[in-house]
């Protein structure tokens, strides 16, 4: 019986260690704003890159700037990107591109582990018109 307790204690310690010390990827969970949201799997500092490319499923040479169809948008975007909710008040990420081919998702400010990731769809749309702006009926955050 003592051996079982030792193994269980070791297992619990390993799980806690993995949770605390291994870098985590952003993950999906229930959002307070709308449906599912994308949450930080680790702490990020201002300007840290969260995703190297929000649209990895398009041809590398293709430029994205002008409006595109919803089907094309959804075929290009990283699955996790579909769950970034809109929040103009508490936005904590930005989307940046120098060449309209690669779109990095970066931390606009320090972000704590388990904090929901928010973009301001209206600001993003001003820079990248193929990304829709916020609809008038979007929930306030």
Protein backbone atom coordinates (compact mmCIF):
# COMPACT_ATOMS: atom_id res chain seq x y z
CA UNK A 1 0.00 0.00 0.00
CA UNK A 2 2.85 2.42 0.79
CA UNK A 3 4.29 1.77 -2.67
CA UNK A 4 0.98 2.79 -4.29
CA UNK A 5 0.87 5.99 -2.23
CA UNK A 6 4.45 6.82 -3.28
CA UNK A 7 3.62 6.25 -6.94
CA UNK A 8 0.50 8.39 -6.71
CA UNK A 9 2.42 11.17 -4.98
CA UNK A 10 5.12 11.00 -7.65
CA UNK A 11 2.50 11.14 -10.40
CA UNK A 12 0.83 14.17 -8.81
CA UNK A 13 4.20 15.92 -8.50
CA UNK A 14 5.02 15.23 -12.17
CA UNK A 15 1.66 16.60 -13.32
CA UNK A 16 2.03 19.73 -11.17
CA UNK A 17 5.60 20.19 -12.41
CA UNK A 18 4.49 19.91 -16.03
CA UNK A 19 1.71 22.41 -15.40
CA UNK A 20 4.00 24.94 -13.73
CA UNK A 21 7.23 24.63 -15.67
CA UNK A 22 6.61 23.39 -19.20
CA UNK A 23 5.77 26.05 -21.76
CA UNK A 24 2.15 25.84 -22.76
CA UNK A 25 0.49 26.59 -26.04
CA UNK A 26 -2.65 28.71 -26.19
CA UNK A 27 -5.73 26.59 -25.56
CA UNK A 28 -9.51 26.79 -26.01
CA UNK A 29 -11.91 27.24 -23.13
CA UNK A 30 -15.25 28.86 -22.34
CA UNK A 31 -15.11 32.62 -22.83
CA UNK A 32 -16.82 35.22 -20.69
CA UNK A 33 -17.24 37.29 -23.85
CA UNK A 34 -18.64 34.85 -26.42
CA UNK A 35 -18.72 31.06 -26.72
CA UNK A 36 -15.24 29.54 -26.87
CA UNK A 37 -12.16 31.71 -26.50
CA UNK A 38 -8.42 31.34 -26.89
CA UNK A 39 -6.43 31.49 -23.65
CA UNK A 40 -2.72 31.91 -22.90
CA UNK A 41 -1.07 28.62 -22.00
CA UNK A 42 1.84 30.48 -20.43
CA UNK A 43 2.87 34.00 -19.41
CA UNK A 44 3.82 36.32 -22.26
CA UNK A 45 5.81 39.52 -22.08
CA UNK A 46 4.92 42.55 -24.19
CA UNK A 47 6.02 41.93 -27.83
CA UNK A 48 6.39 38.14 -27.39
CA UNK A 49 5.30 36.21 -30.46
CA UNK A 50 2.31 34.00 -29.67
CA UNK A 51 1.90 32.61 -33.22
CA UNK A 52 4.50 32.97 -35.97
CA UNK A 53 1.82 33.00 -38.66
CA UNK A 54 -1.93 33.33 -38.21
CA UNK A 55 -2.47 32.16 -41.81
CA UNK A 56 -0.13 29.21 -42.33
CA UNK A 57 -2.37 27.34 -44.80
CA UNK A 58 -2.05 29.74 -47.72
CA UNK A 59 0.68 29.68 -50.31
CA UNK A 60 3.80 31.39 -48.96
CA UNK A 61 4.01 33.71 -51.95
CA UNK A 62 0.34 34.80 -51.76
CA UNK A 63 -0.29 38.32 -50.45
CA UNK A 64 -3.29 38.88 -48.18
CA UNK A 65 -4.64 42.39 -48.15
CA UNK A 66 -7.86 42.85 -50.09
CA UNK A 67 -11.11 41.29 -48.87
CA UNK A 68 -11.42 37.55 -49.51
CA UNK A 69 -14.30 35.12 -49.25
CA UNK A 70 -15.21 33.67 -45.87
CA UNK A 71 -14.42 30.16 -47.16
CA UNK A 72 -10.95 31.22 -48.30
CA UNK A 73 -10.33 33.03 -44.99
CA UNK A 74 -11.32 29.95 -43.00
CA UNK A 75 -9.12 27.70 -45.12
CA UNK A 76 -6.08 29.95 -44.52
CA UNK A 77 -6.39 30.73 -40.81
CA UNK A 78 -4.80 28.76 -38.00
CA UNK A 79 -7.58 26.85 -36.21
CA UNK A 80 -6.83 28.61 -32.89
CA UNK A 81 -7.17 31.96 -34.63
CA UNK A 82 -10.87 31.36 -35.14
CA UNK A 83 -11.32 31.58 -31.37
CA UNK A 84 -9.70 34.97 -30.74
CA UNK A 85 -12.59 37.06 -29.47
CA UNK A 86 -13.11 40.78 -30.04
CA UNK A 87 -12.55 43.26 -27.23
CA UNK A 88 -11.74 46.89 -27.88
CA UNK A 89 -11.33 47.74 -24.20
CA UNK A 90 -9.08 44.89 -23.02
CA UNK A 91 -7.26 43.89 -26.18
CA UNK A 92 -3.98 42.20 -25.39
CA UNK A 93 -2.77 40.98 -28.79
CA UNK A 94 -1.96 42.56 -32.13
CA UNK A 95 -1.53 41.11 -35.58
CA UNK A 96 1.52 42.41 -37.42
CA UNK A 97 2.84 41.91 -40.93
CA UNK A 98 5.67 43.56 -42.80
CA UNK A 99 4.93 41.85 -46.11
CA UNK A 100 1.26 40.73 -46.13
CA UNK A 101 2.46 37.12 -46.39
CA UNK A 102 3.22 36.30 -42.74
CA UNK A 103 0.96 37.60 -39.97
CA UNK A 104 2.44 37.33 -36.50
CA UNK A 105 0.25 37.37 -33.41
CA UNK A 106 2.10 39.26 -30.69
CA UNK A 107 1.41 40.26 -27.11
CA UNK A 108 0.46 43.94 -26.94
CA UNK A 109 1.16 43.92 -23.21
CA UNK A 110 2.19 41.39 -20.58
CA UNK A 111 -0.32 38.52 -20.57
CA UNK A 112 -0.75 36.10 -17.69
CA UNK A 113 -1.18 32.37 -18.10
CA UNK A 114 -4.89 31.45 -18.48
CA UNK A 115 -5.84 35.01 -19.54
CA UNK A 116 -8.09 35.17 -22.59
CA UNK A 117 -6.48 36.54 -25.74
CA UNK A 118 -8.41 39.47 -27.25
CA UNK A 119 -7.98 41.46 -30.45
CA UNK A 120 -9.77 44.64 -31.48
CA UNK A 121 -11.32 43.49 -34.77
CA UNK A 122 -11.91 47.10 -35.86
CA UNK A 123 -8.24 48.09 -35.50
CA UNK A 124 -7.08 44.89 -37.15
CA UNK A 125 -9.48 45.50 -40.06
CA UNK A 126 -8.01 48.98 -40.62
CA UNK A 127 -4.59 47.42 -41.26
CA UNK A 128 -5.79 44.21 -42.90
CA UNK A 129 -9.15 44.70 -44.69
CA UNK A 130 -9.51 40.96 -45.41
CA UNK A 131 -10.07 40.43 -41.65
CA UNK A 132 -13.63 41.42 -40.77
CA UNK A 133 -14.37 44.26 -38.40
CA UNK A 134 -16.56 43.77 -35.33
CA UNK A 135 -20.24 43.39 -35.98
CA UNK A 136 -22.50 45.94 -34.25
CA UNK A 137 -24.07 43.21 -32.12
CA UNK A 138 -20.76 41.92 -30.69
CA UNK A 139 -20.83 41.70 -26.93
CA UNK A 140 -19.02 44.31 -24.88
CA UNK A 141 -16.15 42.85 -22.90
